[in-house]
PDB file of N, CA and C in Angstrom:
ATOM      1  N   MET A   1    -164.533 -72.948 -64.049  1.00  0.00           N
ATOM      2  CA  MET A   1    -163.447 -72.525 -63.942  1.00  0.00           C
ATOM      3  C   MET A   1    -162.893 -71.607 -65.128  1.00  0.00           C
ATOM      4  N   SER A   2    -162.740 -70.355 -65.198  1.00  0.00           N
ATOM      5  CA  SER A   2    -162.298 -69.648 -66.282  1.00  0.00           C
ATOM      6  C   SER A   2    -160.805 -69.723 -66.392  1.00  0.00           C
ATOM      7  N   MET A   3    -160.190 -70.127 -67.541  1.00  0.00           N
ATOM      8  CA  MET A   3    -158.819 -70.196 -67.845  1.00  0.00           C
ATOM      9  C   MET A   3    -158.504 -69.482 -69.210  1.00  0.00           C
ATOM     10  N   THR A   4    -157.511 -68.461 -69.196  1.00  0.00           N
ATOM     11  CA  THR A   4    -156.897 -68.183 -70.243  1.00  0.00           C
ATOM     12  C   THR A   4    -155.756 -68.580 -71.139  1.00  0.00           C
ATOM     13  N   SER A   5    -155.424 -68.667 -72.299  1.00  0.00           N
ATOM     14  CA  SER A   5    -154.061 -69.097 -72.694  1.00  0.00           C
ATOM     15  C   SER A   5    -153.221 -68.416 -71.901  1.00  0.00           C
ATOM     16  N   ALA A   6    -153.240 -67.058 -71.267  1.00  0.00           N
ATOM     17  CA  ALA A   6    -151.599 -66.643 -70.798  1.00  0.00           C
ATOM     18  C   ALA A   6    -151.554 -67.281 -69.135  1.00  0.00           C
ATOM     19  N   ASP A   7    -152.957 -68.040 -68.436  1.00  0.00           N
ATOM     20  CA  ASP A   7    -153.081 -68.639 -67.725  1.00  0.00           C
ATOM     21  C   ASP A   7    -152.313 -70.263 -67.765  1.00  0.00           C
ATOM     22  N   ILE A   8    -152.455 -70.631 -69.198  1.00  0.00           N
ATOM     23  CA  ILE A   8    -151.680 -72.130 -69.354  1.00  0.00           C
ATOM     24  C   ILE A   8    -150.312 -71.754 -69.880  1.00  0.00           C
ATOM     25  N   CYS A   9    -149.900 -70.602 -70.373  1.00  0.00           N
ATOM     26  CA  CYS A   9    -148.504 -70.405 -70.886  1.00  0.00           C
ATOM     27  C   CYS A   9    -147.876 -70.107 -69.324  1.00  0.00           C
ATOM     28  N   THR A  10    -148.172 -69.590 -68.344  1.00  0.00           N
ATOM     29  CA  THR A  10    -147.545 -69.226 -67.509  1.00  0.00           C
ATOM     30  C   THR A  10    -147.510 -70.504 -66.644  1.00  0.00           C
ATOM     31  N   ALA A  11    -148.340 -71.292 -66.436  1.00  0.00           N
ATOM     32  CA  ALA A  11    -148.002 -72.749 -65.458  1.00  0.00           C
ATOM     33  C   ALA A  11    -147.091 -73.574 -66.242  1.00  0.00           C
ATOM     34  N   ALA A  12    -147.055 -73.424 -68.079  1.00  0.00           N
ATOM     35  CA  ALA A  12    -146.086 -74.009 -69.114  1.00  0.00           C
ATOM     36  C   ALA A  12    -144.752 -73.646 -68.213  1.00  0.00           C
ATOM     37  N   ASP A  13    -144.617 -72.384 -67.895  1.00  0.00           N
ATOM     38  CA  ASP A  13    -143.478 -71.475 -67.342  1.00  0.00           C
ATOM     39  C   ASP A  13    -142.982 -72.191 -66.037  1.00  0.00           C
ATOM     40  N   HIS A  14    -143.540 -72.375 -65.225  1.00  0.00           N
ATOM     41  CA  HIS A  14    -143.129 -73.046 -63.957  1.00  0.00           C
ATOM     42  C   HIS A  14    -143.089 -74.354 -63.867  1.00  0.00           C
ATOM     43  N   LEU A  15    -143.188 -75.112 -65.208  1.00  0.00           N
ATOM     44  CA  LEU A  15    -142.838 -76.419 -64.875  1.00  0.00           C
ATOM     45  C   LEU A  15    -141.361 -76.920 -64.221  1.00  0.00           C
ATOM     46  N   GLN A  16    -141.463 -78.074 -63.685  1.00  0.00           N
ATOM     47  CA  GLN A  16    -139.991 -78.405 -62.720  1.00  0.00           C
ATOM     48  C   GLN A  16    -139.441 -79.603 -63.784  1.00  0.00           C
ATOM     49  N   GLY A  17    -138.085 -79.212 -63.143  1.00  0.00           N
ATOM     50  CA  GLY A  17    -137.227 -80.667 -63.907  1.00  0.00           C
ATOM     51  C   GLY A  17    -136.568 -80.695 -65.030  1.00  0.00           C
ATOM     52  N   PHE A  18    -136.183 -81.515 -65.270  1.00  0.00           N
ATOM     53  CA  PHE A  18    -135.301 -81.794 -66.908  1.00  0.00           C
ATOM     54  C   PHE A  18    -135.536 -82.552 -67.562  1.00  0.00           C
ATOM     55  N   VAL A  19    -135.376 -82.492 -68.776  1.00  0.00           N
ATOM     56  CA  VAL A  19    -135.898 -83.988 -69.837  1.00  0.00           C
ATOM     57  C   VAL A  19    -134.639 -83.944 -70.729  1.00  0.00           C
ATOM     58  N   GLY A  20    -134.048 -85.379 -70.636  1.00  0.00           N
ATOM     59  CA  GLY A  20    -132.907 -85.599 -71.789  1.00  0.00           C
ATOM     60  C   GLY A  20    -133.300 -86.905 -72.529  1.00  0.00           C
ATOM     61  N   ILE A  21    -133.040 -86.882 -73.794  1.00  0.00           N
ATOM     62  CA  ILE A  21    -133.526 -88.252 -74.506  1.00  0.00           C
ATOM     63  C   ILE A  21    -132.299 -89.331 -74.305  1.00  0.00           C
ATOM     64  N   ASN A  22    -132.523 -90.619 -73.756  1.00  0.00           N
ATOM     65  CA  ASN A  22    -131.821 -91.895 -73.721  1.00  0.00           C
ATOM     66  C   ASN A  22    -131.501 -92.209 -75.414  1.00  0.00           C
ATOM     67  N   GLN A  23    -130.352 -92.302 -75.966  1.00  0.00           N
ATOM     68  CA  GLN A  23    -129.596 -92.682 -76.693  1.00  0.00           C
ATOM     69  C   GLN A  23    -129.935 -94.102 -77.335  1.00  0.00           C
ATOM     70  N   LYS A  24    -130.228 -94.894 -76.406  1.00  0.00           N
ATOM     71  CA  LYS A  24    -130.007 -96.346 -76.815  1.00  0.00           C
ATOM     72  C   LYS A  24    -131.872 -96.583 -76.889  1.00  0.00           C
ATOM     73  N   THR A  25    -132.434 -96.151 -76.023  1.00  0.00           N
ATOM     74  CA  THR A  25    -134.271 -96.285 -76.055  1.00  0.00           C
ATOM     75  C   THR A  25    -134.871 -95.450 -76.941  1.00  0.00           C
ATOM     76  N   ALA A  26    -134.454 -94.309 -77.430  1.00  0.00           N
ATOM     77  CA  ALA A  26    -134.544 -92.978 -78.170  1.00  0.00           C
ATOM     78  C   ALA A  26    -136.014 -92.532 -77.376  1.00  0.00           C
ATOM     79  N   GLN A  27    -136.165 -92.613 -75.677  1.00  0.00           N
ATOM     80  CA  GLN A  27    -136.893 -92.247 -75.071  1.00  0.00           C
ATOM     81  C   GLN A  27    -136.414 -91.286 -74.103  1.00  0.00           C
ATOM     82  N   TYR A  28    -137.473 -90.446 -74.076  1.00  0.00           N
ATOM     83  CA  TYR A  28    -137.104 -88.863 -73.011  1.00  0.00           C
ATOM     84  C   TYR A  28    -137.331 -89.395 -71.349  1.00  0.00           C
ATOM     85  N   ILE A  29    -136.547 -88.992 -70.448  1.00  0.00           N
ATOM     86  CA  ILE A  29    -136.267 -89.260 -69.295  1.00  0.00           C
ATOM     87  C   ILE A  29    -136.194 -88.009 -68.774  1.00  0.00           C
ATOM     88  N   VAL A  30    -137.149 -88.139 -67.694  1.00  0.00           N
ATOM     89  CA  VAL A  30    -137.371 -87.003 -66.725  1.00  0.00           C
ATOM     90  C   VAL A  30    -136.561 -87.185 -65.516  1.00  0.00           C
ATOM     91  N   ARG A  31    -135.815 -85.744 -65.053  1.00  0.00           N
ATOM     92  CA  ARG A  31    -134.850 -85.960 -63.833  1.00  0.00           C
ATOM     93  C   ARG A  31    -135.123 -84.583 -63.270  1.00  0.00           C
ATOM     94  N   PHE A  32    -134.799 -84.648 -61.627  1.00  0.00           N
ATOM     95  CA  PHE A  32    -134.796 -83.555 -60.998  1.00  0.00           C
ATOM     96  C   PHE A  32    -133.749 -82.598 -60.891  1.00  0.00           C
ATOM     97  N   SER A  33    -132.562 -83.006 -61.514  1.00  0.00           N
ATOM     98  CA  SER A  33    -131.028 -82.165 -61.499  1.00  0.00           C
ATOM     99  C   SER A  33    -130.588 -82.790 -63.016  1.00  0.00           C
ATOM    100  N   GLU A  34    -129.824 -81.745 -63.270  1.00  0.00           N
ATOM    101  CA  GLU A  34    -129.183 -82.127 -64.340  1.00  0.00           C
ATOM    102  C   GLU A  34    -128.017 -83.098 -64.344  1.00  0.00           C
ATOM    103  N   ASP A  35    -127.467 -83.358 -63.243  1.00  0.00           N
ATOM    104  CA  ASP A  35    -126.443 -84.185 -63.094  1.00  0.00           C
ATOM    105  C   ASP A  35    -126.889 -85.681 -62.546  1.00  0.00           C
ATOM    106  N   ALA A  36    -128.378 -85.718 -62.599  1.00  0.00           N
ATOM    107  CA  ALA A  36    -128.849 -87.329 -62.084  1.00  0.00           C
ATOM    108  C   ALA A  36    -129.102 -87.908 -63.559  1.00  0.00           C
ATOM    109  N   PHE A  37    -128.589 -87.562 -64.505  1.00  0.00           N
ATOM    110  CA  PHE A  37    -128.792 -88.694 -65.806  1.00  0.00           C
ATOM    111  C   PHE A  37    -127.931 -89.487 -66.130  1.00  0.00           C
ATOM    112  N   GLY A  38    -127.634 -90.382 -66.738  1.00  0.00           N
ATOM    113  CA  GLY A  38    -126.721 -91.517 -66.602  1.00  0.00           C
ATOM    114  C   GLY A  38    -125.987 -91.359 -67.919  1.00  0.00           C
ATOM    115  N   LEU A  39    -125.234 -92.179 -68.413  1.00  0.00           N
ATOM    116  CA  LEU A  39    -123.948 -92.008 -69.492  1.00  0.00           C
ATOM    117  C   LEU A  39    -124.629 -91.994 -71.035  1.00  0.00           C
ATOM    118  N   ASP A  40    -126.021 -92.780 -70.789  1.00  0.00           N
ATOM    119  CA  ASP A  40    -126.943 -93.013 -72.080  1.00  0.00           C
ATOM    120  C   ASP A  40    -127.539 -91.282 -72.563  1.00  0.00           C
ATOM    121  N   ILE A  41    -127.588 -90.416 -71.709  1.00  0.00           N
ATOM    122  CA  ILE A  41    -128.308 -89.024 -72.033  1.00  0.00           C
ATOM    123  C   ILE A  41    -127.452 -88.282 -72.604  1.00  0.00           C
ATOM    124  N   LEU A  42    -127.280 -87.976 -73.831  1.00  0.00           N
ATOM    125  CA  LEU A  42    -126.174 -86.662 -74.334  1.00  0.00           C
ATOM    126  C   LEU A  42    -126.413 -85.489 -73.407  1.00  0.00           C
ATOM    127  N   GLU A  43    -125.389 -84.845 -72.940  1.00  0.00           N
ATOM    128  CA  GLU A  43    -125.471 -83.397 -72.149  1.00  0.00           C
ATOM    129  C   GLU A  43    -126.603 -82.320 -73.380  1.00  0.00           C
ATOM    130  N   SER A  44    -126.295 -82.633 -74.447  1.00  0.00           N
ATOM    131  CA  SER A  44    -126.566 -81.441 -75.569  1.00  0.00           C
ATOM    132  C   SER A  44    -128.132 -81.680 -75.463  1.00  0.00           C
ATOM    133  N   SER A  45    -128.636 -83.069 -74.976  1.00  0.00           N
ATOM    134  CA  SER A  45    -130.231 -83.351 -75.042  1.00  0.00           C
ATOM    135  C   SER A  45    -130.996 -82.779 -73.752  1.00  0.00           C
ATOM    136  N   ILE A  46    -130.503 -82.392 -72.953  1.00  0.00           N
ATOM    137  CA  ILE A  46    -130.655 -82.048 -71.692  1.00  0.00           C
ATOM    138  C   ILE A  46    -131.288 -80.416 -71.451  1.00  0.00           C
ATOM    139  N   GLU A  47    -132.820 -80.297 -71.319  1.00  0.00           N
ATOM    140  CA  GLU A  47    -133.386 -79.148 -71.103  1.00  0.00           C
ATOM    141  C   GLU A  47    -134.227 -79.273 -70.333  1.00  0.00           C
ATOM    142  N   PRO A  48    -134.587 -77.754 -69.419  1.00  0.00           N
ATOM    143  CA  PRO A  48    -135.249 -77.629 -68.373  1.00  0.00           C
ATOM    144  C   PRO A  48    -137.071 -78.007 -69.015  1.00  0.00           C
ATOM    145  N   THR A  49    -137.703 -78.565 -68.100  1.00  0.00           N
ATOM    146  CA  THR A  49    -138.767 -79.107 -68.503  1.00  0.00           C
ATOM    147  C   THR A  49    -140.011 -77.867 -69.034  1.00  0.00           C
ATOM    148  N   ASN A  50    -139.781 -77.083 -68.688  1.00  0.00           N
ATOM    149  CA  ASN A  50    -140.742 -75.534 -68.861  1.00  0.00           C
ATOM    150  C   ASN A  50    -140.124 -75.248 -70.320  1.00  0.00           C
ATOM    151  N   GLU A  51    -138.816 -75.515 -70.922  1.00  0.00           N
ATOM    152  CA  GLU A  51    -138.229 -75.296 -72.101  1.00  0.00           C
ATOM    153  C   GLU A  51    -138.856 -76.451 -73.319  1.00  0.00           C
ATOM    154  N   PHE A  52    -138.822 -77.881 -72.838  1.00  0.00           N
ATOM    155  CA  PHE A  52    -139.392 -78.857 -73.618  1.00  0.00           C
ATOM    156  C   PHE A  52    -140.370 -79.013 -74.225  1.00  0.00           C
ATOM    157  N   VAL A  53    -141.295 -78.367 -73.199  1.00  0.00           N
ATOM    158  CA  VAL A  53    -142.772 -78.119 -73.694  1.00  0.00           C
ATOM    159  C   VAL A  53    -143.203 -77.453 -74.949  1.00  0.00           C
ATOM    160  N   TRP A  54    -142.289 -76.632 -74.938  1.00  0.00           N
ATOM    161  CA  TRP A  54    -142.314 -75.563 -76.280  1.00  0.00           C
ATOM    162  C   TRP A  54    -141.618 -76.075 -77.629  1.00  0.00           C
ATOM    163  N   ARG A  55    -142.236 -75.581 -78.449  1.00  0.00           N
ATOM    164  CA  ARG A  55    -141.390 -76.347 -79.849  1.00  0.00           C
ATOM    165  C   ARG A  55    -141.577 -75.080 -80.609  1.00  0.00           C
ATOM    166  N   LEU A  56    -140.473 -74.932 -81.559  1.00  0.00           N
ATOM    167  CA  LEU A  56    -140.414 -73.915 -82.362  1.00  0.00           C
ATOM    168  C   LEU A  56    -141.513 -74.080 -83.623  1.00  0.00           C
ATOM    169  N   GLN A  57    -142.078 -72.684 -84.049  1.00  0.00           N
ATOM    170  CA  GLN A  57    -143.373 -72.969 -84.813  1.00  0.00           C
ATOM    171  C   GLN A  57    -142.788 -71.840 -86.131  1.00  0.00           C
ATOM    172  N   ALA A  58    -142.398 -70.838 -85.924  1.00  0.00           N
ATOM    173  CA  ALA A  58    -141.857 -69.906 -86.886  1.00  0.00           C
ATOM    174  C   ALA A  58    -141.388 -68.700 -86.436  1.00  0.00           C
ATOM    175  N   GLY A  59    -140.074 -68.113 -86.696  1.00  0.00           N
ATOM    176  CA  GLY A  59    -139.894 -67.034 -86.122  1.00  0.00           C
ATOM    177  C   GLY A  59    -139.519 -67.139 -84.825  1.00  0.00           C
ATOM    178  N   GLU A  60    -139.993 -66.271 -83.940  1.00  0.00           N
ATOM    179  CA  GLU A  60    -140.296 -66.142 -82.230  1.00  0.00           C
ATOM    180  C   GLU A  60    -141.485 -67.017 -81.856  1.00  0.00           C
ATOM    181  N   HIS A  61    -142.058 -67.671 -82.472  1.00  0.00           N
ATOM    182  CA  HIS A  61    -143.442 -68.087 -82.551  1.00  0.00           C
ATOM    183  C   HIS A  61    -143.177 -69.328 -82.010  1.00  0.00           C
ATOM    184  N   MET A  62    -143.540 -69.874 -80.787  1.00  0.00           N
ATOM    185  CA  MET A  62    -143.591 -71.410 -80.362  1.00  0.00           C
ATOM    186  C   MET A  62    -144.640 -71.925 -80.147  1.00  0.00           C
ATOM    187  N   ARG A  63    -145.058 -73.345 -80.126  1.00  0.00           N
ATOM    188  CA  ARG A  63    -146.247 -74.286 -79.892  1.00  0.00           C
ATOM    189  C   ARG A  63    -145.955 -74.732 -78.820  1.00  0.00           C
ATOM    190  N   LEU A  64    -147.176 -75.010 -77.973  1.00  0.00           N
ATOM    191  CA  LEU A  64    -147.086 -75.540 -76.527  1.00  0.00           C
ATOM    192  C   LEU A  64    -147.547 -76.815 -76.954  1.00  0.00           C
ATOM    193  N   ASP A  65    -146.586 -77.772 -77.253  1.00  0.00           N
ATOM    194  CA  ASP A  65    -146.960 -79.062 -77.466  1.00  0.00           C
ATOM    195  C   ASP A  65    -147.624 -80.434 -76.753  1.00  0.00           C
ATOM    196  N   ARG A  66    -148.595 -80.770 -77.028  1.00  0.00           N
ATOM    197  CA  ARG A  66    -149.410 -81.528 -76.005  1.00  0.00           C
ATOM    198  C   ARG A  66    -148.802 -83.122 -76.144  1.00  0.00           C
ATOM    199  N   THR A  67    -147.884 -83.236 -76.997  1.00  0.00           N
ATOM    200  CA  THR A  67    -147.318 -84.618 -77.293  1.00  0.00           C
ATOM    201  C   THR A  67    -146.567 -84.592 -76.124  1.00  0.00           C
ATOM    202  N   ARG A  68    -145.637 -83.517 -76.219  1.00  0.00           N
ATOM    203  CA  ARG A  68    -144.409 -83.304 -74.932  1.00  0.00           C
ATOM    204  C   ARG A  68    -145.302 -83.131 -73.601  1.00  0.00           C
ATOM    205  N   ILE A  69    -146.108 -82.634 -73.682  1.00  0.00           N
ATOM    206  CA  ILE A  69    -146.836 -82.351 -72.199  1.00  0.00           C
ATOM    207  C   ILE A  69    -147.567 -83.889 -71.911  1.00  0.00           C
ATOM    208  N   GLN A  70    -148.177 -84.494 -72.923  1.00  0.00           N
ATOM    209  CA  GLN A  70    -148.481 -85.942 -72.503  1.00  0.00           C
ATOM    210  C   GLN A  70    -147.250 -86.782 -71.894  1.00  0.00           C
ATOM    211  N   LEU A  71    -146.180 -86.615 -72.809  1.00  0.00           N
ATOM    212  CA  LEU A  71    -145.078 -87.433 -72.042  1.00  0.00           C
ATOM    213  C   LEU A  71    -144.608 -86.994 -70.545  1.00  0.00           C
ATOM    214  N   LEU A  72    -144.824 -85.998 -70.159  1.00  0.00           N
ATOM    215  CA  LEU A  72    -144.577 -85.580 -68.738  1.00  0.00           C
ATOM    216  C   LEU A  72    -145.630 -86.147 -68.101  1.00  0.00           C
ATOM    217  N   LEU A  73    -146.992 -86.315 -68.416  1.00  0.00           N
ATOM    218  CA  LEU A  73    -148.215 -86.798 -67.721  1.00  0.00           C
ATOM    219  C   LEU A  73    -148.085 -88.055 -67.737  1.00  0.00           C
ATOM    220  N   ASP A  74    -147.557 -88.892 -68.508  1.00  0.00           N
ATOM    221  CA  ASP A  74    -147.360 -90.412 -68.390  1.00  0.00           C
ATOM    222  C   ASP A  74    -146.278 -91.025 -67.309  1.00  0.00           C
ATOM    223  N   GLN A  75    -145.365 -89.896 -66.656  1.00  0.00           N
ATOM    224  CA  GLN A  75    -144.337 -89.954 -65.693  1.00  0.00           C
ATOM    225  C   GLN A  75    -145.234 -90.219 -64.546  1.00  0.00           C
ATOM    226  N   HIS A  76    -146.614 -89.845 -64.364  1.00  0.00           N
ATOM    227  CA  HIS A  76    -146.910 -89.840 -62.959  1.00  0.00           C
ATOM    228  C   HIS A  76    -146.599 -89.192 -61.734  1.00  0.00           C
ATOM    229  N   ILE A  77    -146.011 -88.117 -61.989  1.00  0.00           N
ATOM    230  CA  ILE A  77    -145.383 -87.307 -61.049  1.00  0.00           C
ATOM    231  C   ILE A  77    -145.892 -85.837 -60.985  1.00  0.00           C
ATOM    232  N   ASP A  78    -147.260 -85.356 -61.420  1.00  0.00           N
ATOM    233  CA  ASP A  78    -147.844 -84.166 -61.342  1.00  0.00           C
ATOM    234  C   ASP A  78    -147.256 -83.240 -60.500  1.00  0.00           C
ATOM    235  N   GLU A  79    -147.088 -83.613 -59.402  1.00  0.00           N
ATOM    236  CA  GLU A  79    -147.048 -82.818 -58.357  1.00  0.00           C
ATOM    237  C   GLU A  79    -145.183 -82.206 -58.066  1.00  0.00           C
ATOM    238  N   ARG A  80    -144.617 -83.242 -58.317  1.00  0.00           N
ATOM    239  CA  ARG A  80    -142.705 -83.067 -58.454  1.00  0.00           C
ATOM    240  C   ARG A  80    -142.480 -81.913 -59.879  1.00  0.00           C
ATOM    241  N   LEU A  81    -143.406 -82.144 -60.941  1.00  0.00           N
ATOM    242  CA  LEU A  81    -143.031 -81.576 -62.056  1.00  0.00           C
ATOM    243  C   LEU A  81    -144.050 -80.164 -62.119  1.00  0.00           C
ATOM    244  N   ASN A  82    -144.730 -79.949 -61.015  1.00  0.00           N
ATOM    245  CA  ASN A  82    -145.303 -78.850 -61.134  1.00  0.00           C
ATOM    246  C   ASN A  82    -146.440 -78.704 -61.931  1.00  0.00           C
ATOM    247  N   ILE A  83    -147.149 -79.935 -62.493  1.00  0.00           N
ATOM    248  CA  ILE A  83    -148.234 -79.803 -63.564  1.00  0.00           C
ATOM    249  C   ILE A  83    -149.545 -79.385 -63.037  1.00  0.00           C
ATOM    250  N   SER A  84    -149.853 -78.109 -63.048  1.00  0.00           N
ATOM    251  CA  SER A  84    -151.166 -77.633 -62.497  1.00  0.00           C
ATOM    252  C   SER A  84    -152.302 -77.778 -63.248  1.00  0.00           C
ATOM    253  N   THR A  85    -153.296 -77.185 -62.835  1.00  0.00           N
ATOM    254  CA  THR A  85    -154.822 -77.106 -63.329  1.00  0.00           C
ATOM    255  C   THR A  85    -154.725 -76.577 -64.582  1.00  0.00           C
ATOM    256  N   PRO A  86    -154.172 -75.332 -64.807  1.00  0.00           N
ATOM    257  CA  PRO A  86    -154.365 -74.664 -66.418  1.00  0.00           C
ATOM    258  C   PRO A  86    -153.744 -75.743 -67.482  1.00  0.00           C
ATOM    259  N   ILE A  87    -152.620 -76.709 -67.137  1.00  0.00           N
ATOM    260  CA  ILE A  87    -151.837 -77.298 -68.159  1.00  0.00           C
ATOM    261  C   ILE A  87    -153.127 -78.583 -68.132  1.00  0.00           C
ATOM    262  N   GLN A  88    -153.542 -79.191 -66.921  1.00  0.00           N
ATOM    263  CA  GLN A  88    -154.465 -80.126 -66.719  1.00  0.00           C
ATOM    264  C   GLN A  88    -155.803 -80.117 -68.044  1.00  0.00           C
ATOM    265  N   LEU A  89    -156.020 -78.906 -67.627  1.00  0.00           N
ATOM    266  CA  LEU A  89    -157.302 -78.483 -68.325  1.00  0.00           C
ATOM    267  C   LEU A  89    -156.733 -78.428 -69.811  1.00  0.00           C
ATOM    268  N   TYR A  90    -155.860 -77.742 -70.283  1.00  0.00           N
ATOM    269  CA  TYR A  90    -155.085 -77.555 -71.582  1.00  0.00           C
ATOM    270  C   TYR A  90    -155.090 -78.722 -72.445  1.00  0.00           C
ATOM    271  N   MET A  91    -154.705 -79.745 -71.786  1.00  0.00           N
ATOM    272  CA  MET A  91    -154.622 -81.393 -72.037  1.00  0.00           C
ATOM    273  C   MET A  91    -156.053 -82.106 -72.571  1.00  0.00           C
ATOM    274  N   GLN A  92    -157.068 -81.756 -71.673  1.00  0.00           N
ATOM    275  CA  GLN A  92    -158.421 -81.943 -71.836  1.00  0.00           C
ATOM    276  C   GLN A  92    -159.243 -81.461 -73.318  1.00  0.00           C
ATOM    277  N   ARG A  93    -158.990 -80.383 -73.063  1.00  0.00           N
ATOM    278  CA  ARG A  93    -159.540 -79.378 -74.575  1.00  0.00           C
ATOM    279  C   ARG A  93    -158.721 -79.847 -75.821  1.00  0.00           C
ATOM    280  N   VAL A  94    -158.588 -81.087 -76.142  1.00  0.00           N
ATOM    281  CA  VAL A  94    -158.221 -81.289 -77.426  1.00  0.00           C
ATOM    282  C   VAL A  94    -159.087 -80.478 -78.565  1.00  0.00           C
ATOM    283  N   ASP A  95    -160.212 -80.141 -78.252  1.00  0.00           N
ATOM    284  CA  ASP A  95    -160.890 -79.582 -79.392  1.00  0.00           C
ATOM    285  C   ASP A  95    -160.746 -77.970 -79.772  1.00  0.00           C
ATOM    286  N   LEU A  96    -159.509 -77.623 -79.024  1.00  0.00           N
ATOM    287  CA  LEU A  96    -159.092 -76.138 -79.112  1.00  0.00           C
ATOM    288  C   LEU A  96    -157.655 -76.656 -79.545  1.00  0.00           C
ATOM    289  N   PRO A  97    -157.558 -75.970 -80.653  1.00  0.00           N
ATOM    290  CA  PRO A  97    -155.714 -76.095 -81.060  1.00  0.00           C
ATOM    291  C   PRO A  97    -154.825 -75.596 -79.874  1.00  0.00           C
ATOM    292  N   GLU A  98    -153.479 -76.141 -80.494  1.00  0.00           N
ATOM    293  CA  GLU A  98    -152.572 -76.122 -79.751  1.00  0.00           C
ATOM    294  C   GLU A  98    -152.158 -74.449 -79.667  1.00  0.00           C
ATOM    295  N   ILE A  99    -151.784 -73.955 -78.456  1.00  0.00           N
ATOM    296  CA  ILE A  99    -151.522 -72.488 -78.081  1.00  0.00           C
ATOM    297  C   ILE A  99    -149.941 -72.043 -78.915  1.00  0.00           C
ATOM    298  N   ILE A 100    -150.051 -71.179 -79.751  1.00  0.00           N
ATOM    299  CA  ILE A 100    -149.145 -70.715 -80.154  1.00  0.00           C
ATOM    300  C   ILE A 100    -148.882 -69.293 -79.905  1.00  0.00           C
ATOM    301  N   ALA A 101    -147.450 -68.970 -79.139  1.00  0.00           N
ATOM    302  CA  ALA A 101    -147.412 -67.832 -78.604  1.00  0.00           C
ATOM    303  C   ALA A 101    -145.955 -66.904 -78.718  1.00  0.00           C
ATOM    304  N   GLU A 102    -145.566 -66.002 -79.146  1.00  0.00           N
ATOM    305  CA  GLU A 102    -144.426 -65.311 -79.028  1.00  0.00           C
ATOM    306  C   GLU A 102    -143.501 -65.528 -77.902  1.00  0.00           C
ATOM    307  N   ARG A 103    -142.552 -65.693 -77.641  1.00  0.00           N
ATOM    308  CA  ARG A 103    -141.543 -65.795 -76.683  1.00  0.00           C
ATOM    309  C   ARG A 103    -140.198 -65.297 -77.187  1.00  0.00           C
ATOM    310  N   ARG A 104    -139.852 -65.028 -75.591  1.00  0.00           N
ATOM    311  CA  ARG A 104    -138.370 -64.374 -75.764  1.00  0.00           C
ATOM    312  C   ARG A 104    -137.860 -64.081 -74.855  1.00  0.00           C
ATOM    313  N   ILE A 105    -136.568 -64.142 -74.332  1.00  0.00           N
ATOM    314  CA  ILE A 105    -135.544 -64.345 -73.469  1.00  0.00           C
ATOM    315  C   ILE A 105    -135.712 -63.170 -72.425  1.00  0.00           C
ATOM    316  N   LYS A 106    -136.258 -63.401 -71.401  1.00  0.00           N
ATOM    317  CA  LYS A 106    -135.848 -62.079 -70.646  1.00  0.00           C
ATOM    318  C   LYS A 106    -134.596 -61.826 -70.168  1.00  0.00           C
ATOM    319  N   LYS A 107    -134.362 -60.709 -70.489  1.00  0.00           N
ATOM    320  CA  LYS A 107    -132.755 -60.292 -70.181  1.00  0.00           C
ATOM    321  C   LYS A 107    -132.756 -59.746 -68.537  1.00  0.00           C
ATOM    322  N   PRO A 108    -131.863 -59.876 -67.907  1.00  0.00           N
ATOM    323  CA  PRO A 108    -131.658 -59.321 -66.473  1.00  0.00           C
ATOM    324  C   PRO A 108    -131.265 -57.804 -66.412  1.00  0.00           C
ATOM    325  N   VAL A 109    -132.182 -57.013 -65.660  1.00  0.00           N
ATOM    326  CA  VAL A 109    -131.854 -55.622 -66.028  1.00  0.00           C
ATOM    327  C   VAL A 109    -130.673 -55.340 -64.880  1.00  0.00           C
ATOM    328  N   SER A 110    -129.851 -54.423 -65.964  1.00  0.00           N
ATOM    329  CA  SER A 110    -128.404 -54.063 -65.231  1.00  0.00           C
ATOM    330  C   SER A 110    -128.703 -53.216 -63.787  1.00  0.00           C
ATOM    331  N   GLN A 111    -127.903 -53.164 -63.009  1.00  0.00           N
ATOM    332  CA  GLN A 111    -127.688 -52.277 -62.301  1.00  0.00           C
ATOM    333  C   GLN A 111    -126.554 -51.409 -62.181  1.00  0.00           C
TER     334      GLN A 111
END
């Protein structure tokens, strides 16, 4: 199966759920609603899963972080998180460097 970095980036952008860090245990917690986190999760630490896997590299360049994807895979809820084949293949190919991409927020078109 041929897979491009664009396919992997698109799959990362389609990840579902939210991630927050538990202050007491210093562990990341996955939920499927922002309201589902307990009091030990700072609201400022909650971010969509599809943003959680990207880490700032330099400027507008971001790195698709294998360590953070592994945190999601360790939850064993791939289907709910929408972890698809491109992400799984990316994680298997540790011989290749992590993807670095220029990412920008898309602004809605005014009508």
